[in-house]
PDB file of N, CA and C in Angstrom:
ATOM      1  N   UNK A   1      25.137  19.396 -20.112  1.00  0.00           N
ATOM      2  CA  UNK A   1      25.559  20.516 -20.976  1.00  0.00           C
ATOM      3  C   UNK A   1      24.911  20.501 -22.293  1.00  0.00           C
ATOM      4  N   UNK A   2      24.196  21.536 -22.649  1.00  0.00           N
ATOM      5  CA  UNK A   2      23.446  21.643 -23.900  1.00  0.00           C
ATOM      6  C   UNK A   2      24.408  22.079 -24.903  1.00  0.00           C
ATOM      7  N   UNK A   3      24.511  21.302 -26.092  1.00  0.00           N
ATOM      8  CA  UNK A   3      25.263  21.461 -27.089  1.00  0.00           C
ATOM      9  C   UNK A   3      24.557  21.521 -28.482  1.00  0.00           C
ATOM     10  N   UNK A   4      24.857  22.531 -29.289  1.00  0.00           N
ATOM     11  CA  UNK A   4      24.054  22.435 -30.554  1.00  0.00           C
ATOM     12  C   UNK A   4      24.529  21.241 -31.418  1.00  0.00           C
ATOM     13  N   UNK A   5      23.592  20.946 -32.403  1.00  0.00           N
ATOM     14  CA  UNK A   5      24.130  19.891 -33.329  1.00  0.00           C
ATOM     15  C   UNK A   5      25.083  20.141 -34.223  1.00  0.00           C
ATOM     16  N   UNK A   6      25.359  21.418 -34.481  1.00  0.00           N
ATOM     17  CA  UNK A   6      26.358  21.937 -35.285  1.00  0.00           C
ATOM     18  C   UNK A   6      27.603  21.623 -34.661  1.00  0.00           C
ATOM     19  N   UNK A   7      27.860  21.943 -33.351  1.00  0.00           N
ATOM     20  CA  UNK A   7      28.972  21.913 -32.640  1.00  0.00           C
ATOM     21  C   UNK A   7      29.262  20.319 -32.354  1.00  0.00           C
ATOM     22  N   UNK A   8      28.462  19.588 -32.002  1.00  0.00           N
ATOM     23  CA  UNK A   8      28.578  18.203 -31.867  1.00  0.00           C
ATOM     24  C   UNK A   8      29.064  17.517 -33.085  1.00  0.00           C
ATOM     25  N   UNK A   9      28.452  17.771 -34.152  1.00  0.00           N
ATOM     26  CA  UNK A   9      28.609  17.361 -35.491  1.00  0.00           C
ATOM     27  C   UNK A   9      30.158  17.788 -35.765  1.00  0.00           C
ATOM     28  N   UNK A  10      30.563  19.013 -35.685  1.00  0.00           N
ATOM     29  CA  UNK A  10      31.861  19.523 -36.079  1.00  0.00           C
ATOM     30  C   UNK A  10      32.954  18.739 -35.168  1.00  0.00           C
ATOM     31  N   UNK A  11      32.683  18.776 -33.751  1.00  0.00           N
ATOM     32  CA  UNK A  11      33.607  17.981 -32.905  1.00  0.00           C
ATOM     33  C   UNK A  11      33.736  16.600 -33.301  1.00  0.00           C
ATOM     34  N   UNK A  12      32.631  15.773 -33.731  1.00  0.00           N
ATOM     35  CA  UNK A  12      32.697  14.460 -34.008  1.00  0.00           C
ATOM     36  C   UNK A  12      33.515  14.182 -35.274  1.00  0.00           C
ATOM     37  N   UNK A  13      33.448  15.085 -36.112  1.00  0.00           N
ATOM     38  CA  UNK A  13      34.398  15.034 -37.434  1.00  0.00           C
ATOM     39  C   UNK A  13      35.654  15.418 -36.966  1.00  0.00           C
ATOM     40  N   UNK A  14      35.989  16.374 -36.291  1.00  0.00           N
ATOM     41  CA  UNK A  14      37.426  16.639 -35.932  1.00  0.00           C
ATOM     42  C   UNK A  14      37.965  15.223 -35.152  1.00  0.00           C
ATOM     43  N   UNK A  15      37.174  14.771 -34.273  1.00  0.00           N
ATOM     44  CA  UNK A  15      37.648  13.557 -33.482  1.00  0.00           C
ATOM     45  C   UNK A  15      37.865  12.346 -34.341  1.00  0.00           C
ATOM     46  N   UNK A  16      37.119  12.136 -35.324  1.00  0.00           N
ATOM     47  CA  UNK A  16      37.222  11.056 -36.173  1.00  0.00           C
ATOM     48  C   UNK A  16      38.474  11.267 -37.169  1.00  0.00           C
ATOM     49  N   UNK A  17      38.665  12.399 -37.525  1.00  0.00           N
ATOM     50  CA  UNK A  17      39.875  12.796 -38.354  1.00  0.00           C
ATOM     51  C   UNK A  17      41.174  12.594 -37.573  1.00  0.00           C
ATOM     52  N   UNK A  18      41.046  13.012 -36.315  1.00  0.00           N
ATOM     53  CA  UNK A  18      42.203  13.055 -35.477  1.00  0.00           C
ATOM     54  C   UNK A  18      42.544  11.500 -35.236  1.00  0.00           C
ATOM     55  N   UNK A  19      41.571  10.609 -34.868  1.00  0.00           N
ATOM     56  CA  UNK A  19      41.610   9.196 -34.625  1.00  0.00           C
ATOM     57  C   UNK A  19      42.308   8.561 -35.861  1.00  0.00           C
ATOM     58  N   UNK A  20      41.933   8.929 -37.032  1.00  0.00           N
ATOM     59  CA  UNK A  20      42.398   8.314 -38.234  1.00  0.00           C
ATOM     60  C   UNK A  20      43.922   8.771 -38.478  1.00  0.00           C
ATOM     61  N   UNK A  21      44.071  10.065 -38.458  1.00  0.00           N
ATOM     62  CA  UNK A  21      45.469  10.674 -38.655  1.00  0.00           C
ATOM     63  C   UNK A  21      46.472  10.206 -37.717  1.00  0.00           C
ATOM     64  N   UNK A  22      46.111   9.938 -36.628  1.00  0.00           N
ATOM     65  CA  UNK A  22      47.062   9.536 -35.322  1.00  0.00           C
ATOM     66  C   UNK A  22      47.199   8.015 -35.390  1.00  0.00           C
ATOM     67  N   UNK A  23      46.466   7.233 -36.328  1.00  0.00           N
ATOM     68  CA  UNK A  23      46.707   5.879 -36.410  1.00  0.00           C
ATOM     69  C   UNK A  23      45.941   5.133 -35.212  1.00  0.00           C
ATOM     70  N   UNK A  24      45.254   5.789 -34.271  1.00  0.00           N
ATOM     71  CA  UNK A  24      44.544   5.219 -33.144  1.00  0.00           C
ATOM     72  C   UNK A  24      43.499   4.408 -33.517  1.00  0.00           C
ATOM     73  N   UNK A  25      42.703   4.767 -34.711  1.00  0.00           N
ATOM     74  CA  UNK A  25      41.607   3.987 -35.252  1.00  0.00           C
ATOM     75  C   UNK A  25      41.322   4.479 -36.722  1.00  0.00           C
ATOM     76  N   UNK A  26      42.043   3.673 -37.602  1.00  0.00           N
ATOM     77  CA  UNK A  26      41.873   3.951 -38.967  1.00  0.00           C
ATOM     78  C   UNK A  26      40.965   3.092 -39.883  1.00  0.00           C
ATOM     79  N   UNK A  27      40.041   2.383 -39.115  1.00  0.00           N
ATOM     80  CA  UNK A  27      39.080   1.702 -39.948  1.00  0.00           C
ATOM     81  C   UNK A  27      37.577   1.861 -39.257  1.00  0.00           C
ATOM     82  N   UNK A  28      36.520   1.625 -39.824  1.00  0.00           N
ATOM     83  CA  UNK A  28      35.241   1.848 -39.287  1.00  0.00           C
ATOM     84  C   UNK A  28      35.147   0.915 -38.077  1.00  0.00           C
ATOM     85  N   UNK A  29      35.411  -0.408 -38.065  1.00  0.00           N
ATOM     86  CA  UNK A  29      35.344  -1.184 -36.816  1.00  0.00           C
ATOM     87  C   UNK A  29      36.153  -0.609 -35.591  1.00  0.00           C
ATOM     88  N   UNK A  30      37.330  -0.042 -36.020  1.00  0.00           N
ATOM     89  CA  UNK A  30      38.245   0.428 -35.009  1.00  0.00           C
ATOM     90  C   UNK A  30      37.623   1.755 -34.402  1.00  0.00           C
ATOM     91  N   UNK A  31      36.986   2.597 -35.252  1.00  0.00           N
ATOM     92  CA  UNK A  31      36.429   3.892 -34.805  1.00  0.00           C
ATOM     93  C   UNK A  31      35.136   3.436 -33.987  1.00  0.00           C
ATOM     94  N   UNK A  32      34.584   2.545 -34.213  1.00  0.00           N
ATOM     95  CA  UNK A  32      33.245   2.059 -33.508  1.00  0.00           C
ATOM     96  C   UNK A  32      33.681   1.603 -32.130  1.00  0.00           C
ATOM     97  N   UNK A  33      34.788   0.895 -32.095  1.00  0.00           N
ATOM     98  CA  UNK A  33      35.389   0.371 -30.757  1.00  0.00           C
ATOM     99  C   UNK A  33      35.864   1.438 -29.973  1.00  0.00           C
ATOM    100  N   UNK A  34      36.586   2.363 -30.479  1.00  0.00           N
ATOM    101  CA  UNK A  34      37.142   3.349 -29.531  1.00  0.00           C
ATOM    102  C   UNK A  34      36.116   4.450 -29.192  1.00  0.00           C
ATOM    103  N   UNK A  35      35.174   4.722 -30.101  1.00  0.00           N
ATOM    104  CA  UNK A  35      34.183   5.839 -29.662  1.00  0.00           C
ATOM    105  C   UNK A  35      32.903   5.255 -29.088  1.00  0.00           C
ATOM    106  N   UNK A  36      32.531   3.919 -29.554  1.00  0.00           N
ATOM    107  CA  UNK A  36      31.204   3.418 -29.212  1.00  0.00           C
ATOM    108  C   UNK A  36      30.180   3.974 -30.116  1.00  0.00           C
ATOM    109  N   UNK A  37      30.534   4.588 -31.236  1.00  0.00           N
ATOM    110  CA  UNK A  37      29.439   5.043 -32.279  1.00  0.00           C
ATOM    111  C   UNK A  37      29.181   3.890 -33.134  1.00  0.00           C
ATOM    112  N   UNK A  38      27.983   3.797 -33.570  1.00  0.00           N
ATOM    113  CA  UNK A  38      27.467   2.804 -34.493  1.00  0.00           C
ATOM    114  C   UNK A  38      28.347   2.725 -35.870  1.00  0.00           C
ATOM    115  N   UNK A  39      28.443   1.712 -36.518  1.00  0.00           N
ATOM    116  CA  UNK A  39      29.230   1.579 -37.545  1.00  0.00           C
ATOM    117  C   UNK A  39      28.833   2.648 -38.827  1.00  0.00           C
ATOM    118  N   UNK A  40      27.343   2.796 -38.753  1.00  0.00           N
ATOM    119  CA  UNK A  40      26.882   3.630 -39.882  1.00  0.00           C
ATOM    120  C   UNK A  40      27.263   5.129 -39.520  1.00  0.00           C
ATOM    121  N   UNK A  41      27.231   5.535 -38.238  1.00  0.00           N
ATOM    122  CA  UNK A  41      27.482   6.934 -37.882  1.00  0.00           C
ATOM    123  C   UNK A  41      29.097   7.018 -38.327  1.00  0.00           C
ATOM    124  N   UNK A  42      29.940   6.125 -38.018  1.00  0.00           N
ATOM    125  CA  UNK A  42      31.251   6.263 -38.263  1.00  0.00           C
ATOM    126  C   UNK A  42      31.580   6.433 -39.755  1.00  0.00           C
ATOM    127  N   UNK A  43      30.832   5.614 -40.602  1.00  0.00           N
ATOM    128  CA  UNK A  43      30.972   5.689 -41.957  1.00  0.00           C
ATOM    129  C   UNK A  43      30.425   7.127 -42.444  1.00  0.00           C
ATOM    130  N   UNK A  44      29.307   7.497 -41.882  1.00  0.00           N
ATOM    131  CA  UNK A  44      28.793   8.736 -42.470  1.00  0.00           C
ATOM    132  C   UNK A  44      29.634   9.955 -41.967  1.00  0.00           C
ATOM    133  N   UNK A  45      30.119   9.719 -40.757  1.00  0.00           N
ATOM    134  CA  UNK A  45      31.292  10.885 -40.381  1.00  0.00           C
ATOM    135  C   UNK A  45      32.532  11.003 -41.210  1.00  0.00           C
ATOM    136  N   UNK A  46      33.084   9.873 -41.600  1.00  0.00           N
ATOM    137  CA  UNK A  46      34.052   9.732 -42.539  1.00  0.00           C
ATOM    138  C   UNK A  46      33.816  10.446 -43.814  1.00  0.00           C
ATOM    139  N   UNK A  47      32.684  10.157 -44.402  1.00  0.00           N
ATOM    140  CA  UNK A  47      32.213  10.658 -45.537  1.00  0.00           C
ATOM    141  C   UNK A  47      32.038  12.278 -45.439  1.00  0.00           C
ATOM    142  N   UNK A  48      31.442  12.657 -44.178  1.00  0.00           N
ATOM    143  CA  UNK A  48      31.297  14.086 -43.990  1.00  0.00           C
ATOM    144  C   UNK A  48      32.516  14.991 -43.809  1.00  0.00           C
ATOM    145  N   UNK A  49      33.646  14.245 -43.621  1.00  0.00           N
ATOM    146  CA  UNK A  49      34.910  15.011 -43.587  1.00  0.00           C
ATOM    147  C   UNK A  49      35.143  15.767 -44.721  1.00  0.00           C
ATOM    148  N   UNK A  50      34.724  15.450 -45.946  1.00  0.00           N
ATOM    149  CA  UNK A  50      34.934  16.255 -47.171  1.00  0.00           C
ATOM    150  C   UNK A  50      34.316  17.633 -47.182  1.00  0.00           C
ATOM    151  N   UNK A  51      33.202  17.746 -46.334  1.00  0.00           N
ATOM    152  CA  UNK A  51      32.431  18.976 -46.214  1.00  0.00           C
ATOM    153  C   UNK A  51      33.379  20.151 -45.481  1.00  0.00           C
ATOM    154  N   UNK A  52      34.435  19.420 -44.615  1.00  0.00           N
ATOM    155  CA  UNK A  52      35.335  20.388 -43.954  1.00  0.00           C
ATOM    156  C   UNK A  52      36.706  20.463 -44.746  1.00  0.00           C
ATOM    157  N   UNK A  53      36.568  19.997 -45.883  1.00  0.00           N
ATOM    158  CA  UNK A  53      37.835  20.060 -46.802  1.00  0.00           C
ATOM    159  C   UNK A  53      38.893  19.148 -46.314  1.00  0.00           C
ATOM    160  N   UNK A  54      38.593  18.218 -45.338  1.00  0.00           N
ATOM    161  CA  UNK A  54      39.539  17.253 -45.000  1.00  0.00           C
ATOM    162  C   UNK A  54      39.518  16.103 -45.953  1.00  0.00           C
ATOM    163  N   UNK A  55      40.574  15.950 -46.597  1.00  0.00           N
ATOM    164  CA  UNK A  55      40.810  14.802 -47.610  1.00  0.00           C
ATOM    165  C   UNK A  55      41.165  13.567 -46.917  1.00  0.00           C
ATOM    166  N   UNK A  56      40.242  12.629 -46.895  1.00  0.00           N
ATOM    167  CA  UNK A  56      40.355  11.236 -46.287  1.00  0.00           C
ATOM    168  C   UNK A  56      40.041  10.233 -47.270  1.00  0.00           C
ATOM    169  N   UNK A  57      40.962   9.340 -47.424  1.00  0.00           N
ATOM    170  CA  UNK A  57      40.745   8.373 -48.477  1.00  0.00           C
ATOM    171  C   UNK A  57      41.087   6.962 -47.979  1.00  0.00           C
ATOM    172  N   UNK A  58      40.329   5.939 -48.432  1.00  0.00           N
ATOM    173  CA  UNK A  58      40.492   4.521 -48.146  1.00  0.00           C
ATOM    174  C   UNK A  58      41.636   3.959 -48.811  1.00  0.00           C
ATOM    175  N   UNK A  59      42.511   3.338 -48.164  1.00  0.00           N
ATOM    176  CA  UNK A  59      43.803   2.596 -49.102  1.00  0.00           C
ATOM    177  C   UNK A  59      43.548   1.146 -48.812  1.00  0.00           C
ATOM    178  N   UNK A  60      43.303   0.464 -49.830  1.00  0.00           N
ATOM    179  CA  UNK A  60      43.098  -0.965 -49.895  1.00  0.00           C
ATOM    180  C   UNK A  60      44.312  -1.678 -49.442  1.00  0.00           C
ATOM    181  N   UNK A  61      44.252  -2.611 -48.668  1.00  0.00           N
ATOM    182  CA  UNK A  61      45.428  -3.408 -48.227  1.00  0.00           C
ATOM    183  C   UNK A  61      45.860  -4.284 -49.371  1.00  0.00           C
ATOM    184  N   UNK A  62      47.085  -4.280 -49.977  1.00  0.00           N
ATOM    185  CA  UNK A  62      47.600  -5.112 -50.928  1.00  0.00           C
ATOM    186  C   UNK A  62      47.217  -6.680 -50.863  1.00  0.00           C
ATOM    187  N   UNK A  63      46.508  -7.113 -51.819  1.00  0.00           N
ATOM    188  CA  UNK A  63      46.342  -8.713 -51.705  1.00  0.00           C
ATOM    189  C   UNK A  63      45.109  -9.068 -51.006  1.00  0.00           C
ATOM    190  N   UNK A  64      44.451  -8.014 -50.207  1.00  0.00           N
ATOM    191  CA  UNK A  64      43.483  -8.152 -49.296  1.00  0.00           C
ATOM    192  C   UNK A  64      42.077  -8.230 -49.976  1.00  0.00           C
ATOM    193  N   UNK A  65      41.136  -8.966 -49.383  1.00  0.00           N
ATOM    194  CA  UNK A  65      39.741  -9.080 -49.950  1.00  0.00           C
ATOM    195  C   UNK A  65      38.873  -8.339 -49.185  1.00  0.00           C
ATOM    196  N   UNK A  66      37.724  -8.115 -49.639  1.00  0.00           N
ATOM    197  CA  UNK A  66      36.520  -7.573 -48.801  1.00  0.00           C
ATOM    198  C   UNK A  66      36.811  -6.106 -48.229  1.00  0.00           C
ATOM    199  N   UNK A  67      37.366  -5.277 -48.965  1.00  0.00           N
ATOM    200  CA  UNK A  67      37.729  -3.911 -48.563  1.00  0.00           C
ATOM    201  C   UNK A  67      38.556  -3.793 -47.348  1.00  0.00           C
ATOM    202  N   UNK A  68      39.597  -4.664 -47.212  1.00  0.00           N
ATOM    203  CA  UNK A  68      40.373  -4.789 -46.099  1.00  0.00           C
ATOM    204  C   UNK A  68      41.395  -3.562 -46.284  1.00  0.00           C
ATOM    205  N   UNK A  69      41.672  -2.723 -45.203  1.00  0.00           N
ATOM    206  CA  UNK A  69      42.567  -1.674 -45.527  1.00  0.00           C
ATOM    207  C   UNK A  69      42.298  -0.623 -44.353  1.00  0.00           C
ATOM    208  N   UNK A  70      42.752   0.568 -44.706  1.00  0.00           N
ATOM    209  CA  UNK A  70      42.493   1.691 -43.644  1.00  0.00           C
ATOM    210  C   UNK A  70      42.336   3.091 -44.285  1.00  0.00           C
ATOM    211  N   UNK A  71      41.750   3.935 -43.499  1.00  0.00           N
ATOM    212  CA  UNK A  71      41.598   5.269 -43.839  1.00  0.00           C
ATOM    213  C   UNK A  71      42.807   6.075 -43.719  1.00  0.00           C
ATOM    214  N   UNK A  72      43.076   7.078 -44.508  1.00  0.00           N
ATOM    215  CA  UNK A  72      44.229   7.929 -44.299  1.00  0.00           C
ATOM    216  C   UNK A  72      43.809   9.413 -44.548  1.00  0.00           C
ATOM    217  N   UNK A  73      44.249  10.404 -43.782  1.00  0.00           N
ATOM    218  CA  UNK A  73      44.029  11.897 -43.926  1.00  0.00           C
ATOM    219  C   UNK A  73      45.162  12.238 -44.952  1.00  0.00           C
ATOM    220  N   UNK A  74      44.890  12.806 -46.021  1.00  0.00           N
ATOM    221  CA  UNK A  74      45.884  13.424 -46.836  1.00  0.00           C
ATOM    222  C   UNK A  74      45.989  14.900 -46.690  1.00  0.00           C
ATOM    223  N   UNK A  75      44.892  15.593 -46.250  1.00  0.00           N
ATOM    224  CA  UNK A  75      45.034  17.053 -46.162  1.00  0.00           C
ATOM    225  C   UNK A  75      43.914  17.366 -45.157  1.00  0.00           C
ATOM    226  N   UNK A  76      44.370  18.484 -44.206  1.00  0.00           N
ATOM    227  CA  UNK A  76      43.436  18.884 -43.222  1.00  0.00           C
ATOM    228  C   UNK A  76      42.634  20.089 -43.950  1.00  0.00           C
ATOM    229  N   UNK A  77      42.899  20.660 -45.039  1.00  0.00           N
ATOM    230  CA  UNK A  77      42.345  21.800 -45.531  1.00  0.00           C
ATOM    231  C   UNK A  77      42.532  23.082 -44.702  1.00  0.00           C
ATOM    232  N   UNK A  78      41.478  23.696 -44.153  1.00  0.00           N
ATOM    233  CA  UNK A  78      41.737  24.898 -43.525  1.00  0.00           C
ATOM    234  C   UNK A  78      41.623  24.600 -41.843  1.00  0.00           C
ATOM    235  N   UNK A  79      41.603  23.224 -41.612  1.00  0.00           N
ATOM    236  CA  UNK A  79      41.473  22.871 -40.052  1.00  0.00           C
ATOM    237  C   UNK A  79      42.930  22.927 -39.596  1.00  0.00           C
ATOM    238  N   UNK A  80      43.149  23.494 -38.462  1.00  0.00           N
ATOM    239  CA  UNK A  80      44.290  23.397 -37.568  1.00  0.00           C
ATOM    240  C   UNK A  80      44.399  22.224 -36.777  1.00  0.00           C
ATOM    241  N   UNK A  81      44.986  21.214 -37.237  1.00  0.00           N
ATOM    242  CA  UNK A  81      45.057  19.804 -36.656  1.00  0.00           C
ATOM    243  C   UNK A  81      45.705  20.077 -35.238  1.00  0.00           C
ATOM    244  N   UNK A  82      46.600  21.029 -35.086  1.00  0.00           N
ATOM    245  CA  UNK A  82      47.275  21.163 -33.818  1.00  0.00           C
ATOM    246  C   UNK A  82      46.376  21.685 -32.807  1.00  0.00           C
ATOM    247  N   UNK A  83      45.225  22.105 -33.013  1.00  0.00           N
ATOM    248  CA  UNK A  83      44.256  22.556 -31.976  1.00  0.00           C
ATOM    249  C   UNK A  83      43.595  21.282 -31.256  1.00  0.00           C
ATOM    250  N   UNK A  84      43.487  20.206 -32.073  1.00  0.00           N
ATOM    251  CA  UNK A  84      42.603  19.242 -31.568  1.00  0.00           C
ATOM    252  C   UNK A  84      43.262  18.460 -30.253  1.00  0.00           C
ATOM    253  N   UNK A  85      44.490  18.037 -30.329  1.00  0.00           N
ATOM    254  CA  UNK A  85      44.997  17.178 -29.174  1.00  0.00           C
ATOM    255  C   UNK A  85      44.952  18.111 -27.803  1.00  0.00           C
ATOM    256  N   UNK A  86      45.391  19.257 -27.884  1.00  0.00           N
ATOM    257  CA  UNK A  86      45.242  19.949 -26.378  1.00  0.00           C
ATOM    258  C   UNK A  86      43.766  20.121 -25.956  1.00  0.00           C
ATOM    259  N   UNK A  87      42.884  19.944 -26.958  1.00  0.00           N
ATOM    260  CA  UNK A  87      41.431  20.134 -26.628  1.00  0.00           C
ATOM    261  C   UNK A  87      40.622  18.769 -26.560  1.00  0.00           C
ATOM    262  N   UNK A  88      41.396  17.621 -26.553  1.00  0.00           N
ATOM    263  CA  UNK A  88      40.718  16.344 -26.543  1.00  0.00           C
ATOM    264  C   UNK A  88      39.692  16.114 -25.435  1.00  0.00           C
ATOM    265  N   UNK A  89      40.110  16.520 -24.257  1.00  0.00           N
ATOM    266  CA  UNK A  89      39.177  16.353 -23.079  1.00  0.00           C
ATOM    267  C   UNK A  89      37.943  17.132 -23.274  1.00  0.00           C
ATOM    268  N   UNK A  90      37.944  18.242 -23.792  1.00  0.00           N
ATOM    269  CA  UNK A  90      36.684  18.997 -24.045  1.00  0.00           C
ATOM    270  C   UNK A  90      35.940  18.407 -25.195  1.00  0.00           C
ATOM    271  N   UNK A  91      36.584  17.973 -26.292  1.00  0.00           N
ATOM    272  CA  UNK A  91      35.711  17.251 -27.489  1.00  0.00           C
ATOM    273  C   UNK A  91      34.994  16.032 -27.030  1.00  0.00           C
ATOM    274  N   UNK A  92      35.832  15.272 -26.293  1.00  0.00           N
ATOM    275  CA  UNK A  92      35.163  14.087 -25.728  1.00  0.00           C
ATOM    276  C   UNK A  92      34.122  14.276 -24.812  1.00  0.00           C
ATOM    277  N   UNK A  93      34.190  15.258 -23.896  1.00  0.00           N
ATOM    278  CA  UNK A  93      33.201  15.596 -22.896  1.00  0.00           C
ATOM    279  C   UNK A  93      32.005  16.031 -23.727  1.00  0.00           C
ATOM    280  N   UNK A  94      32.076  16.926 -24.789  1.00  0.00           N
ATOM    281  CA  UNK A  94      31.014  17.331 -25.588  1.00  0.00           C
ATOM    282  C   UNK A  94      30.226  16.071 -26.187  1.00  0.00           C
ATOM    283  N   UNK A  95      31.135  15.232 -26.692  1.00  0.00           N
ATOM    284  CA  UNK A  95      30.541  14.047 -27.650  1.00  0.00           C
ATOM    285  C   UNK A  95      30.051  12.940 -26.476  1.00  0.00           C
ATOM    286  N   UNK A  96      30.422  12.831 -25.162  1.00  0.00           N
ATOM    287  CA  UNK A  96      30.014  11.935 -24.407  1.00  0.00           C
ATOM    288  C   UNK A  96      30.898  10.732 -24.689  1.00  0.00           C
ATOM    289  N   UNK A  97      32.069  10.731 -25.148  1.00  0.00           N
ATOM    290  CA  UNK A  97      32.859   9.639 -25.526  1.00  0.00           C
ATOM    291  C   UNK A  97      33.896   9.410 -24.267  1.00  0.00           C
ATOM    292  N   UNK A  98      34.337   8.107 -24.065  1.00  0.00           N
ATOM    293  CA  UNK A  98      35.275   7.848 -23.199  1.00  0.00           C
ATOM    294  C   UNK A  98      36.764   8.318 -23.401  1.00  0.00           C
TER     295      UNK A  98
END
């Protein structure tokens, strides 16, 4: 399947936002484990969510050290998050994720 970089990048961002929002993977190590993507790609994807007006912030765990905590989606902007779950099979197929 030939997929443009624009589409795969968009789908990757949607999938990462979905994983964070659903609580399935709300840290960089958890995202790497669930998707198989390298840590740096996970970090870059989280940062790039802002380009879609998805507001994602890191919440430090009280009393924790070394940036322990989790990411949280505060706003989906213009994205209809309800579209993602029914289309997960297609999104994961495009990205080659399990």
